[in-house]
Structure formats: structure tokens, C-alpha cells
Amino acid sequence: KKVLDKAAELSPDIFLFVGDLVNFDS
């Protein structure tokens, strides 16, 4: 939750996520 809150606070122009959101299960 801290990671996601911090990322949102950074207010970038664009978010680019390069994979591995999960380990083994949605």
C-alpha cells in the first residue's frame, strides 16, 4: 500500500509497468 500510494503521489505524466505484477495466481 505504501508503494502504490507513493507512486501515485509522484504524479508522473505516464506510468509504464514492465511486468510481474503477481507470482502465480491472479
mmCIF file of all heavy atoms, coordinates in Angstrom:
data_MODEL
# 
_entry.id   MODEL 
# 
loop_
_atom_site.group_PDB 
_atom_site.id 
_atom_site.type_symbol 
_atom_site.label_atom_id 
_atom_site.label_alt_id 
_atom_site.label_comp_id 
_atom_site.label_asym_id 
_atom_site.label_entity_id 
_atom_site.label_seq_id 
_atom_site.pdbx_PDB_ins_code 
_atom_site.Cartn_x 
_atom_site.Cartn_y 
_atom_site.Cartn_z 
_atom_site.occupancy 
_atom_site.B_iso_or_equiv 
_atom_site.pdbx_formal_charge 
_atom_site.auth_seq_id 
_atom_site.auth_comp_id 
_atom_site.auth_asym_id 
_atom_site.auth_atom_id 
_atom_site.pdbx_PDB_model_num 
ATOM 1   N N   . LYS A 1 1  ? 0.828  -1.199  0.000   1.00 0.00 ? 1  LYS A N   1 
ATOM 2   C CA  . LYS A 1 1  ? 0.000  0.000   0.000   1.00 0.00 ? 1  LYS A CA  1 
ATOM 3   C C   . LYS A 1 1  ? 0.865  1.253   0.000   1.00 0.00 ? 1  LYS A C   1 
ATOM 4   O O   . LYS A 1 1  ? 0.546  2.240   -0.672  1.00 0.00 ? 1  LYS A O   1 
ATOM 5   C CB  . LYS A 1 1  ? -0.934 -0.020  1.215   1.00 0.00 ? 1  LYS A CB  1 
ATOM 6   C CG  . LYS A 1 1  ? -1.978 -1.133  1.138   1.00 0.00 ? 1  LYS A CG  1 
ATOM 7   C CD  . LYS A 1 1  ? -2.850 -1.163  2.385   1.00 0.00 ? 1  LYS A CD  1 
ATOM 8   C CE  . LYS A 1 1  ? -3.868 -2.306  2.300   1.00 0.00 ? 1  LYS A CE  1 
ATOM 9   N NZ  . LYS A 1 1  ? -4.700 -2.394  3.521   1.00 0.00 ? 1  LYS A NZ  1 
ATOM 10  N N   . LYS A 1 2  ? 1.985  1.220   0.731   1.00 0.00 ? 2  LYS A N   1 
ATOM 11  C CA  . LYS A 1 2  ? 2.898  2.359   0.753   1.00 0.00 ? 2  LYS A CA  1 
ATOM 12  C C   . LYS A 1 2  ? 3.506  2.594   -0.625  1.00 0.00 ? 2  LYS A C   1 
ATOM 13  O O   . LYS A 1 2  ? 3.627  3.737   -1.081  1.00 0.00 ? 2  LYS A O   1 
ATOM 14  C CB  . LYS A 1 2  ? 4.007  2.116   1.780   1.00 0.00 ? 2  LYS A CB  1 
ATOM 15  C CG  . LYS A 1 2  ? 5.023  3.253   1.863   1.00 0.00 ? 2  LYS A CG  1 
ATOM 16  C CD  . LYS A 1 2  ? 6.073  2.997   2.931   1.00 0.00 ? 2  LYS A CD  1 
ATOM 17  C CE  . LYS A 1 2  ? 7.053  1.935   2.497   1.00 0.00 ? 2  LYS A CE  1 
ATOM 18  N NZ  . LYS A 1 2  ? 8.195  1.798   3.460   1.00 0.00 ? 2  LYS A NZ  1 
ATOM 19  N N   . VAL A 1 3  ? 3.882  1.521   -1.291  1.00 0.00 ? 3  VAL A N   1 
ATOM 20  C CA  . VAL A 1 3  ? 4.455  1.631   -2.636  1.00 0.00 ? 3  VAL A CA  1 
ATOM 21  C C   . VAL A 1 3  ? 3.464  2.283   -3.590  1.00 0.00 ? 3  VAL A C   1 
ATOM 22  O O   . VAL A 1 3  ? 3.805  3.213   -4.334  1.00 0.00 ? 3  VAL A O   1 
ATOM 23  C CB  . VAL A 1 3  ? 4.865  0.238   -3.172  1.00 0.00 ? 3  VAL A CB  1 
ATOM 24  C CG1 . VAL A 1 3  ? 5.173  0.297   -4.661  1.00 0.00 ? 3  VAL A CG1 1 
ATOM 25  C CG2 . VAL A 1 3  ? 6.073  -0.284  -2.424  1.00 0.00 ? 3  VAL A CG2 1 
ATOM 26  N N   . LEU A 1 4  ? 2.227  1.811   -3.573  1.00 0.00 ? 4  LEU A N   1 
ATOM 27  C CA  . LEU A 1 4  ? 1.227  2.324   -4.501  1.00 0.00 ? 4  LEU A CA  1 
ATOM 28  C C   . LEU A 1 4  ? 0.850  3.765   -4.182  1.00 0.00 ? 4  LEU A C   1 
ATOM 29  O O   . LEU A 1 4  ? 0.656  4.584   -5.096  1.00 0.00 ? 4  LEU A O   1 
ATOM 30  C CB  . LEU A 1 4  ? -0.005 1.423   -4.482  1.00 0.00 ? 4  LEU A CB  1 
ATOM 31  C CG  . LEU A 1 4  ? 0.250  -0.040  -4.915  1.00 0.00 ? 4  LEU A CG  1 
ATOM 32  C CD1 . LEU A 1 4  ? -1.026 -0.865  -4.758  1.00 0.00 ? 4  LEU A CD1 1 
ATOM 33  C CD2 . LEU A 1 4  ? 0.763  -0.108  -6.339  1.00 0.00 ? 4  LEU A CD2 1 
ATOM 34  N N   . ASP A 1 5  ? 0.767  4.088   -2.906  1.00 0.00 ? 5  ASP A N   1 
ATOM 35  C CA  . ASP A 1 5  ? 0.472  5.476   -2.512  1.00 0.00 ? 5  ASP A CA  1 
ATOM 36  C C   . ASP A 1 5  ? 1.595  6.402   -2.947  1.00 0.00 ? 5  ASP A C   1 
ATOM 37  O O   . ASP A 1 5  ? 1.352  7.515   -3.441  1.00 0.00 ? 5  ASP A O   1 
ATOM 38  C CB  . ASP A 1 5  ? 0.270  5.572   -1.004  1.00 0.00 ? 5  ASP A CB  1 
ATOM 39  C CG  . ASP A 1 5  ? -1.060 4.998   -0.546  1.00 0.00 ? 5  ASP A CG  1 
ATOM 40  O OD1 . ASP A 1 5  ? -1.953 4.795   -1.411  1.00 0.00 ? 5  ASP A OD1 1 
ATOM 41  O OD2 . ASP A 1 5  ? -1.208 4.722   0.659   1.00 0.00 ? 5  ASP A OD2 1 
ATOM 42  N N   . LYS A 1 6  ? 2.843  5.960   -2.751  1.00 0.00 ? 6  LYS A N   1 
ATOM 43  C CA  . LYS A 1 6  ? 3.991  6.789   -3.114  1.00 0.00 ? 6  LYS A CA  1 
ATOM 44  C C   . LYS A 1 6  ? 4.045  7.007   -4.620  1.00 0.00 ? 6  LYS A C   1 
ATOM 45  O O   . LYS A 1 6  ? 4.295  8.129   -5.089  1.00 0.00 ? 6  LYS A O   1 
ATOM 46  C CB  . LYS A 1 6  ? 5.285  6.128   -2.644  1.00 0.00 ? 6  LYS A CB  1 
ATOM 47  C CG  . LYS A 1 6  ? 6.543  6.957   -2.941  1.00 0.00 ? 6  LYS A CG  1 
ATOM 48  C CD  . LYS A 1 6  ? 6.485  8.311   -2.242  1.00 0.00 ? 6  LYS A CD  1 
ATOM 49  C CE  . LYS A 1 6  ? 7.718  9.133   -2.519  1.00 0.00 ? 6  LYS A CE  1 
ATOM 50  N NZ  . LYS A 1 6  ? 7.653  10.469  -1.867  1.00 0.00 ? 6  LYS A NZ  1 
ATOM 51  N N   . ALA A 1 7  ? 3.798  5.949   -5.387  1.00 0.00 ? 7  ALA A N   1 
ATOM 52  C CA  . ALA A 1 7  ? 3.820  6.074   -6.844  1.00 0.00 ? 7  ALA A CA  1 
ATOM 53  C C   . ALA A 1 7  ? 2.757  7.073   -7.312  1.00 0.00 ? 7  ALA A C   1 
ATOM 54  O O   . ALA A 1 7  ? 3.011  7.897   -8.203  1.00 0.00 ? 7  ALA A O   1 
ATOM 55  C CB  . ALA A 1 7  ? 3.594  4.714   -7.490  1.00 0.00 ? 7  ALA A CB  1 
ATOM 56  N N   . ALA A 1 8  ? 1.582  7.000   -6.712  1.00 0.00 ? 8  ALA A N   1 
ATOM 57  C CA  . ALA A 1 8  ? 0.515  7.927   -7.087  1.00 0.00 ? 8  ALA A CA  1 
ATOM 58  C C   . ALA A 1 8  ? 0.883  9.365   -6.740  1.00 0.00 ? 8  ALA A C   1 
ATOM 59  O O   . ALA A 1 8  ? 0.596  10.299  -7.491  1.00 0.00 ? 8  ALA A O   1 
ATOM 60  C CB  . ALA A 1 8  ? -0.790 7.521   -6.399  1.00 0.00 ? 8  ALA A CB  1 
ATOM 61  N N   . GLU A 1 9  ? 1.554  9.555   -5.594  1.00 0.00 ? 9  GLU A N   1 
ATOM 62  C CA  . GLU A 1 9  ? 1.953  10.898  -5.146  1.00 0.00 ? 9  GLU A CA  1 
ATOM 63  C C   . GLU A 1 9  ? 2.975  11.543  -6.075  1.00 0.00 ? 9  GLU A C   1 
ATOM 64  O O   . GLU A 1 9  ? 3.064  12.773  -6.152  1.00 0.00 ? 9  GLU A O   1 
ATOM 65  C CB  . GLU A 1 9  ? 2.546  10.828  -3.735  1.00 0.00 ? 9  GLU A CB  1 
ATOM 66  C CG  . GLU A 1 9  ? 1.549  10.554  -2.634  1.00 0.00 ? 9  GLU A CG  1 
ATOM 67  C CD  . GLU A 1 9  ? 2.232  10.317  -1.296  1.00 0.00 ? 9  GLU A CD  1 
ATOM 68  O OE1 . GLU A 1 9  ? 3.474  10.522  -1.231  1.00 0.00 ? 9  GLU A OE1 1 
ATOM 69  O OE2 . GLU A 1 9  ? 1.549  9.922   -0.344  1.00 0.00 ? 9  GLU A OE2 1 
ATOM 70  N N   . LEU A 1 10 ? 3.741  10.732  -6.789  1.00 0.00 ? 10 LEU A N   1 
ATOM 71  C CA  . LEU A 1 10 ? 4.788  11.261  -7.664  1.00 0.00 ? 10 LEU A CA  1 
ATOM 72  C C   . LEU A 1 10 ? 4.207  11.987  -8.876  1.00 0.00 ? 10 LEU A C   1 
ATOM 73  O O   . LEU A 1 10 ? 4.905  12.756  -9.533  1.00 0.00 ? 10 LEU A O   1 
ATOM 74  C CB  . LEU A 1 10 ? 5.708  10.130  -8.123  1.00 0.00 ? 10 LEU A CB  1 
ATOM 75  C CG  . LEU A 1 10 ? 6.574  9.508   -7.015  1.00 0.00 ? 10 LEU A CG  1 
ATOM 76  C CD1 . LEU A 1 10 ? 7.275  8.247   -7.518  1.00 0.00 ? 10 LEU A CD1 1 
ATOM 77  C CD2 . LEU A 1 10 ? 7.603  10.517  -6.499  1.00 0.00 ? 10 LEU A CD2 1 
ATOM 78  N N   . SER A 1 11 ? 2.955  11.719  -9.200  1.00 0.00 ? 11 SER A N   1 
ATOM 79  C CA  . SER A 1 11 ? 2.219  12.416  -10.260 1.00 0.00 ? 11 SER A CA  1 
ATOM 80  C C   . SER A 1 11 ? 3.005  12.522  -11.572 1.00 0.00 ? 11 SER A C   1 
ATOM 81  O O   . SER A 1 11 ? 3.248  13.630  -12.076 1.00 0.00 ? 11 SER A O   1 
ATOM 82  C CB  . SER A 1 11 ? 1.836  13.825  -9.788  1.00 0.00 ? 11 SER A CB  1 
ATOM 83  O OG  . SER A 1 11 ? 1.033  13.763  -8.639  1.00 0.00 ? 11 SER A OG  1 
ATOM 84  N N   . PRO A 1 12 ? 3.395  11.386  -12.152 1.00 0.00 ? 12 PRO A N   1 
ATOM 85  C CA  . PRO A 1 12 ? 4.106  11.436  -13.436 1.00 0.00 ? 12 PRO A CA  1 
ATOM 86  C C   . PRO A 1 12 ? 3.147  11.746  -14.577 1.00 0.00 ? 12 PRO A C   1 
ATOM 87  O O   . PRO A 1 12 ? 1.920  11.743  -14.401 1.00 0.00 ? 12 PRO A O   1 
ATOM 88  C CB  . PRO A 1 12 ? 4.673  10.024  -13.563 1.00 0.00 ? 12 PRO A CB  1 
ATOM 89  C CG  . PRO A 1 12 ? 3.659  9.175   -12.868 1.00 0.00 ? 12 PRO A CG  1 
ATOM 90  C CD  . PRO A 1 12 ? 3.169  10.006  -11.697 1.00 0.00 ? 12 PRO A CD  1 
ATOM 91  N N   . ASP A 1 13 ? 3.711  11.975  -15.752 1.00 0.00 ? 13 ASP A N   1 
ATOM 92  C CA  . ASP A 1 13 ? 2.880  12.189  -16.932 1.00 0.00 ? 13 ASP A CA  1 
ATOM 93  C C   . ASP A 1 13 ? 2.346  10.872  -17.484 1.00 0.00 ? 13 ASP A C   1 
ATOM 94  O O   . ASP A 1 13 ? 1.305  10.840  -18.140 1.00 0.00 ? 13 ASP A O   1 
ATOM 95  C CB  . ASP A 1 13 ? 3.698  12.903  -18.024 1.00 0.00 ? 13 ASP A CB  1 
ATOM 96  C CG  . ASP A 1 13 ? 4.149  14.287  -17.586 1.00 0.00 ? 13 ASP A CG  1 
ATOM 97  O OD1 . ASP A 1 13 ? 3.302  15.057  -17.116 1.00 0.00 ? 13 ASP A OD1 1 
ATOM 98  O OD2 . ASP A 1 13 ? 5.361  14.580  -17.696 1.00 0.00 ? 13 ASP A OD2 1 
ATOM 99  N N   . ILE A 1 14 ? 3.085  9.786   -17.224 1.00 0.00 ? 14 ILE A N   1 
ATOM 100 C CA  . ILE A 1 14 ? 2.704  8.481   -17.743 1.00 0.00 ? 14 ILE A CA  1 
ATOM 101 C C   . ILE A 1 14 ? 3.287  7.395   -16.845 1.00 0.00 ? 14 ILE A C   1 
ATOM 102 O O   . ILE A 1 14 ? 4.397  7.552   -16.314 1.00 0.00 ? 14 ILE A O   1 
ATOM 103 C CB  . ILE A 1 14 ? 3.190  8.312   -19.203 1.00 0.00 ? 14 ILE A CB  1 
ATOM 104 C CG1 . ILE A 1 14 ? 2.629  7.040   -19.836 1.00 0.00 ? 14 ILE A CG1 1 
ATOM 105 C CG2 . ILE A 1 14 ? 4.706  8.364   -19.297 1.00 0.00 ? 14 ILE A CG2 1 
ATOM 106 C CD1 . ILE A 1 14 ? 2.888  6.945   -21.343 1.00 0.00 ? 14 ILE A CD1 1 
ATOM 107 N N   . PHE A 1 15 ? 2.533  6.318   -16.625 1.00 0.00 ? 15 PHE A N   1 
ATOM 108 C CA  . PHE A 1 15 ? 3.015  5.146   -15.893 1.00 0.00 ? 15 PHE A CA  1 
ATOM 109 C C   . PHE A 1 15 ? 3.330  4.042   -16.903 1.00 0.00 ? 15 PHE A C   1 
ATOM 110 O O   . PHE A 1 15 ? 2.511  3.742   -17.784 1.00 0.00 ? 15 PHE A O   1 
ATOM 111 C CB  . PHE A 1 15 ? 1.950  4.618   -14.923 1.00 0.00 ? 15 PHE A CB  1 
ATOM 112 C CG  . PHE A 1 15 ? 1.902  5.315   -13.601 1.00 0.00 ? 15 PHE A CG  1 
ATOM 113 C CD1 . PHE A 1 15 ? 0.898  6.226   -13.319 1.00 0.00 ? 15 PHE A CD1 1 
ATOM 114 C CD2 . PHE A 1 15 ? 2.856  5.056   -12.621 1.00 0.00 ? 15 PHE A CD2 1 
ATOM 115 C CE1 . PHE A 1 15 ? 0.835  6.862   -12.097 1.00 0.00 ? 15 PHE A CE1 1 
ATOM 116 C CE2 . PHE A 1 15 ? 2.811  5.701   -11.393 1.00 0.00 ? 15 PHE A CE2 1 
ATOM 117 C CZ  . PHE A 1 15 ? 1.798  6.609   -11.127 1.00 0.00 ? 15 PHE A CZ  1 
ATOM 118 N N   . LEU A 1 16 ? 4.504  3.430   -16.748 1.00 0.00 ? 16 LEU A N   1 
ATOM 119 C CA  . LEU A 1 16 ? 4.887  2.306   -17.591 1.00 0.00 ? 16 LEU A CA  1 
ATOM 120 C C   . LEU A 1 16 ? 5.303  1.154   -16.683 1.00 0.00 ? 16 LEU A C   1 
ATOM 121 O O   . LEU A 1 16 ? 6.305  1.257   -15.962 1.00 0.00 ? 16 LEU A O   1 
ATOM 122 C CB  . LEU A 1 16 ? 6.029  2.701   -18.539 1.00 0.00 ? 16 LEU A CB  1 
ATOM 123 C CG  . LEU A 1 16 ? 5.711  3.852   -19.507 1.00 0.00 ? 16 LEU A CG  1 
ATOM 124 C CD1 . LEU A 1 16 ? 6.932  4.186   -20.361 1.00 0.00 ? 16 LEU A CD1 1 
ATOM 125 C CD2 . LEU A 1 16 ? 4.520  3.515   -20.397 1.00 0.00 ? 16 LEU A CD2 1 
ATOM 126 N N   . PHE A 1 17 ? 4.516  0.072   -16.714 1.00 0.00 ? 17 PHE A N   1 
ATOM 127 C CA  . PHE A 1 17 ? 4.764  -1.079  -15.841 1.00 0.00 ? 17 PHE A CA  1 
ATOM 128 C C   . PHE A 1 17 ? 5.351  -2.208  -16.670 1.00 0.00 ? 17 PHE A C   1 
ATOM 129 O O   . PHE A 1 17 ? 4.755  -2.646  -17.665 1.00 0.00 ? 17 PHE A O   1 
ATOM 130 C CB  . PHE A 1 17 ? 3.463  -1.531  -15.170 1.00 0.00 ? 17 PHE A CB  1 
ATOM 131 C CG  . PHE A 1 17 ? 3.664  -2.584  -14.119 1.00 0.00 ? 17 PHE A CG  1 
ATOM 132 C CD1 . PHE A 1 17 ? 4.072  -2.243  -12.851 1.00 0.00 ? 17 PHE A CD1 1 
ATOM 133 C CD2 . PHE A 1 17 ? 3.473  -3.919  -14.419 1.00 0.00 ? 17 PHE A CD2 1 
ATOM 134 C CE1 . PHE A 1 17 ? 4.287  -3.214  -11.872 1.00 0.00 ? 17 PHE A CE1 1 
ATOM 135 C CE2 . PHE A 1 17 ? 3.680  -4.895  -13.459 1.00 0.00 ? 17 PHE A CE2 1 
ATOM 136 C CZ  . PHE A 1 17 ? 4.087  -4.543  -12.177 1.00 0.00 ? 17 PHE A CZ  1 
ATOM 137 N N   . VAL A 1 18 ? 6.538  -2.713  -16.254 1.00 0.00 ? 18 VAL A N   1 
ATOM 138 C CA  . VAL A 1 18 ? 7.284  -3.653  -17.097 1.00 0.00 ? 18 VAL A CA  1 
ATOM 139 C C   . VAL A 1 18 ? 7.131  -5.115  -16.668 1.00 0.00 ? 18 VAL A C   1 
ATOM 140 O O   . VAL A 1 18 ? 7.986  -5.948  -16.959 1.00 0.00 ? 18 VAL A O   1 
ATOM 141 C CB  . VAL A 1 18 ? 8.779  -3.260  -17.169 1.00 0.00 ? 18 VAL A CB  1 
ATOM 142 C CG1 . VAL A 1 18 ? 8.952  -1.959  -17.919 1.00 0.00 ? 18 VAL A CG1 1 
ATOM 143 C CG2 . VAL A 1 18 ? 9.404  -3.176  -15.779 1.00 0.00 ? 18 VAL A CG2 1 
ATOM 144 N N   . GLY A 1 19 ? 6.034  -5.454  -16.007 1.00 0.00 ? 19 GLY A N   1 
ATOM 145 C CA  . GLY A 1 19 ? 5.700  -6.851  -15.810 1.00 0.00 ? 19 GLY A CA  1 
ATOM 146 C C   . GLY A 1 19 ? 5.961  -7.427  -14.447 1.00 0.00 ? 19 GLY A C   1 
ATOM 147 O O   . GLY A 1 19 ? 6.591  -6.822  -13.586 1.00 0.00 ? 19 GLY A O   1 
ATOM 148 N N   . ASP A 1 20 ? 5.440  -8.657  -14.239 1.00 0.00 ? 20 ASP A N   1 
ATOM 149 C CA  . ASP A 1 20 ? 5.481  -9.394  -12.980 1.00 0.00 ? 20 ASP A CA  1 
ATOM 150 C C   . ASP A 1 20 ? 4.684  -8.680  -11.889 1.00 0.00 ? 20 ASP A C   1 
ATOM 151 O O   . ASP A 1 20 ? 5.198  -8.339  -10.822 1.00 0.00 ? 20 ASP A O   1 
ATOM 152 C CB  . ASP A 1 20 ? 6.920  -9.655  -12.521 1.00 0.00 ? 20 ASP A CB  1 
ATOM 153 C CG  . ASP A 1 20 ? 7.549  -10.853 -13.224 1.00 0.00 ? 20 ASP A CG  1 
ATOM 154 O OD1 . ASP A 1 20 ? 6.878  -11.452 -14.088 1.00 0.00 ? 20 ASP A OD1 1 
ATOM 155 O OD2 . ASP A 1 20 ? 8.704  -11.190 -12.925 1.00 0.00 ? 20 ASP A OD2 1 
ATOM 156 N N   . LEU A 1 21 ? 3.411  -8.484  -12.167 1.00 0.00 ? 21 LEU A N   1 
ATOM 157 C CA  . LEU A 1 21 ? 2.513  -7.925  -11.156 1.00 0.00 ? 21 LEU A CA  1 
ATOM 158 C C   . LEU A 1 21 ? 2.286  -8.933  -10.047 1.00 0.00 ? 21 LEU A C   1 
ATOM 159 O O   . LEU A 1 21 ? 2.226  -8.577  -8.868  1.00 0.00 ? 21 LEU A O   1 
ATOM 160 C CB  . LEU A 1 21 ? 1.183  -7.541  -11.807 1.00 0.00 ? 21 LEU A CB  1 
ATOM 161 C CG  . LEU A 1 21 ? 0.120  -6.961  -10.879 1.00 0.00 ? 21 LEU A CG  1 
ATOM 162 C CD1 . LEU A 1 21 ? 0.584  -5.636  -10.294 1.00 0.00 ? 21 LEU A CD1 1 
ATOM 163 C CD2 . LEU A 1 21 ? -1.213 -6.781  -11.625 1.00 0.00 ? 21 LEU A CD2 1 
ATOM 164 N N   . VAL A 1 22 ? 2.136  -10.213 -10.408 1.00 0.00 ? 22 VAL A N   1 
ATOM 165 C CA  . VAL A 1 22 ? 1.878  -11.273 -9.434  1.00 0.00 ? 22 VAL A CA  1 
ATOM 166 C C   . VAL A 1 22 ? 2.950  -12.349 -9.559  1.00 0.00 ? 22 VAL A C   1 
ATOM 167 O O   . VAL A 1 22 ? 3.830  -12.276 -10.414 1.00 0.00 ? 22 VAL A O   1 
ATOM 168 C CB  . VAL A 1 22 ? 0.481  -11.886 -9.642  1.00 0.00 ? 22 VAL A CB  1 
ATOM 169 C CG1 . VAL A 1 22 ? -0.600 -10.831 -9.446  1.00 0.00 ? 22 VAL A CG1 1 
ATOM 170 C CG2 . VAL A 1 22 ? 0.358  -12.523 -11.020 1.00 0.00 ? 22 VAL A CG2 1 
ATOM 171 N N   . ASN A 1 23 ? 2.824  -13.360 -8.716  1.00 0.00 ? 23 ASN A N   1 
ATOM 172 C CA  . ASN A 1 23 ? 3.743  -14.502 -8.766  1.00 0.00 ? 23 ASN A CA  1 
ATOM 173 C C   . ASN A 1 23 ? 3.163  -15.674 -9.544  1.00 0.00 ? 23 ASN A C   1 
ATOM 174 O O   . ASN A 1 23 ? 3.716  -16.110 -10.542 1.00 0.00 ? 23 ASN A O   1 
ATOM 175 C CB  . ASN A 1 23 ? 4.096  -14.972 -7.351  1.00 0.00 ? 23 ASN A CB  1 
ATOM 176 C CG  . ASN A 1 23 ? 5.160  -14.119 -6.709  1.00 0.00 ? 23 ASN A CG  1 
ATOM 177 O OD1 . ASN A 1 23 ? 5.844  -13.348 -7.365  1.00 0.00 ? 23 ASN A OD1 1 
ATOM 178 N ND2 . ASN A 1 23 ? 5.286  -14.246 -5.393  1.00 0.00 ? 23 ASN A ND2 1 
ATOM 179 N N   . PHE A 1 24 ? 2.016  -16.193 -9.049  1.00 0.00 ? 24 PHE A N   1 
ATOM 180 C CA  . PHE A 1 24 ? 1.494  -17.447 -9.593  1.00 0.00 ? 24 PHE A CA  1 
ATOM 181 C C   . PHE A 1 24 ? -0.016 -17.480 -9.784  1.00 0.00 ? 24 PHE A C   1 
ATOM 182 O O   . PHE A 1 24 ? -0.539 -18.432 -10.348 1.00 0.00 ? 24 PHE A O   1 
ATOM 183 C CB  . PHE A 1 24 ? 1.876  -18.618 -8.664  1.00 0.00 ? 24 PHE A CB  1 
ATOM 184 C CG  . PHE A 1 24 ? 3.321  -18.633 -8.263  1.00 0.00 ? 24 PHE A CG  1 
ATOM 185 C CD1 . PHE A 1 24 ? 3.710  -18.293 -6.981  1.00 0.00 ? 24 PHE A CD1 1 
ATOM 186 C CD2 . PHE A 1 24 ? 4.300  -18.983 -9.182  1.00 0.00 ? 24 PHE A CD2 1 
ATOM 187 C CE1 . PHE A 1 24 ? 5.038  -18.308 -6.605  1.00 0.00 ? 24 PHE A CE1 1 
ATOM 188 C CE2 . PHE A 1 24 ? 5.635  -18.999 -8.821  1.00 0.00 ? 24 PHE A CE2 1 
ATOM 189 C CZ  . PHE A 1 24 ? 6.011  -18.661 -7.529  1.00 0.00 ? 24 PHE A CZ  1 
ATOM 190 N N   . ASP A 1 25 ? -0.733 -16.451 -9.298  1.00 0.00 ? 25 ASP A N   1 
ATOM 191 C CA  . ASP A 1 25 ? -2.189 -16.535 -9.258  1.00 0.00 ? 25 ASP A CA  1 
ATOM 192 C C   . ASP A 1 25 ? -2.774 -15.125 -9.349  1.00 0.00 ? 25 ASP A C   1 
ATOM 193 O O   . ASP A 1 25 ? -2.291 -14.203 -8.669  1.00 0.00 ? 25 ASP A O   1 
ATOM 194 C CB  . ASP A 1 25 ? -2.614 -17.193 -7.939  1.00 0.00 ? 25 ASP A CB  1 
ATOM 195 C CG  . ASP A 1 25 ? -4.072 -17.601 -7.906  1.00 0.00 ? 25 ASP A CG  1 
ATOM 196 O OD1 . ASP A 1 25 ? -4.923 -16.780 -8.279  1.00 0.00 ? 25 ASP A OD1 1 
ATOM 197 O OD2 . ASP A 1 25 ? -4.359 -18.743 -7.491  1.00 0.00 ? 25 ASP A OD2 1 
ATOM 198 N N   . SER A 1 26 ? -3.805 -14.955 -10.164 1.00 0.00 ? 26 SER A N   1 
ATOM 199 C CA  . SER A 1 26 ? -4.411 -13.634 -10.322 1.00 0.00 ? 26 SER A CA  1 
ATOM 200 C C   . SER A 1 26 ? -5.007 -13.107 -9.023  1.00 0.00 ? 26 SER A C   1 
ATOM 201 O O   . SER A 1 26 ? -5.095 -11.894 -8.810  1.00 0.00 ? 26 SER A O   1 
ATOM 202 C CB  . SER A 1 26 ? -5.492 -13.684 -11.409 1.00 0.00 ? 26 SER A CB  1 
ATOM 203 O OG  . SER A 1 26 ? -6.595 -14.473 -10.978 1.00 0.00 ? 26 SER A OG  1 
# 
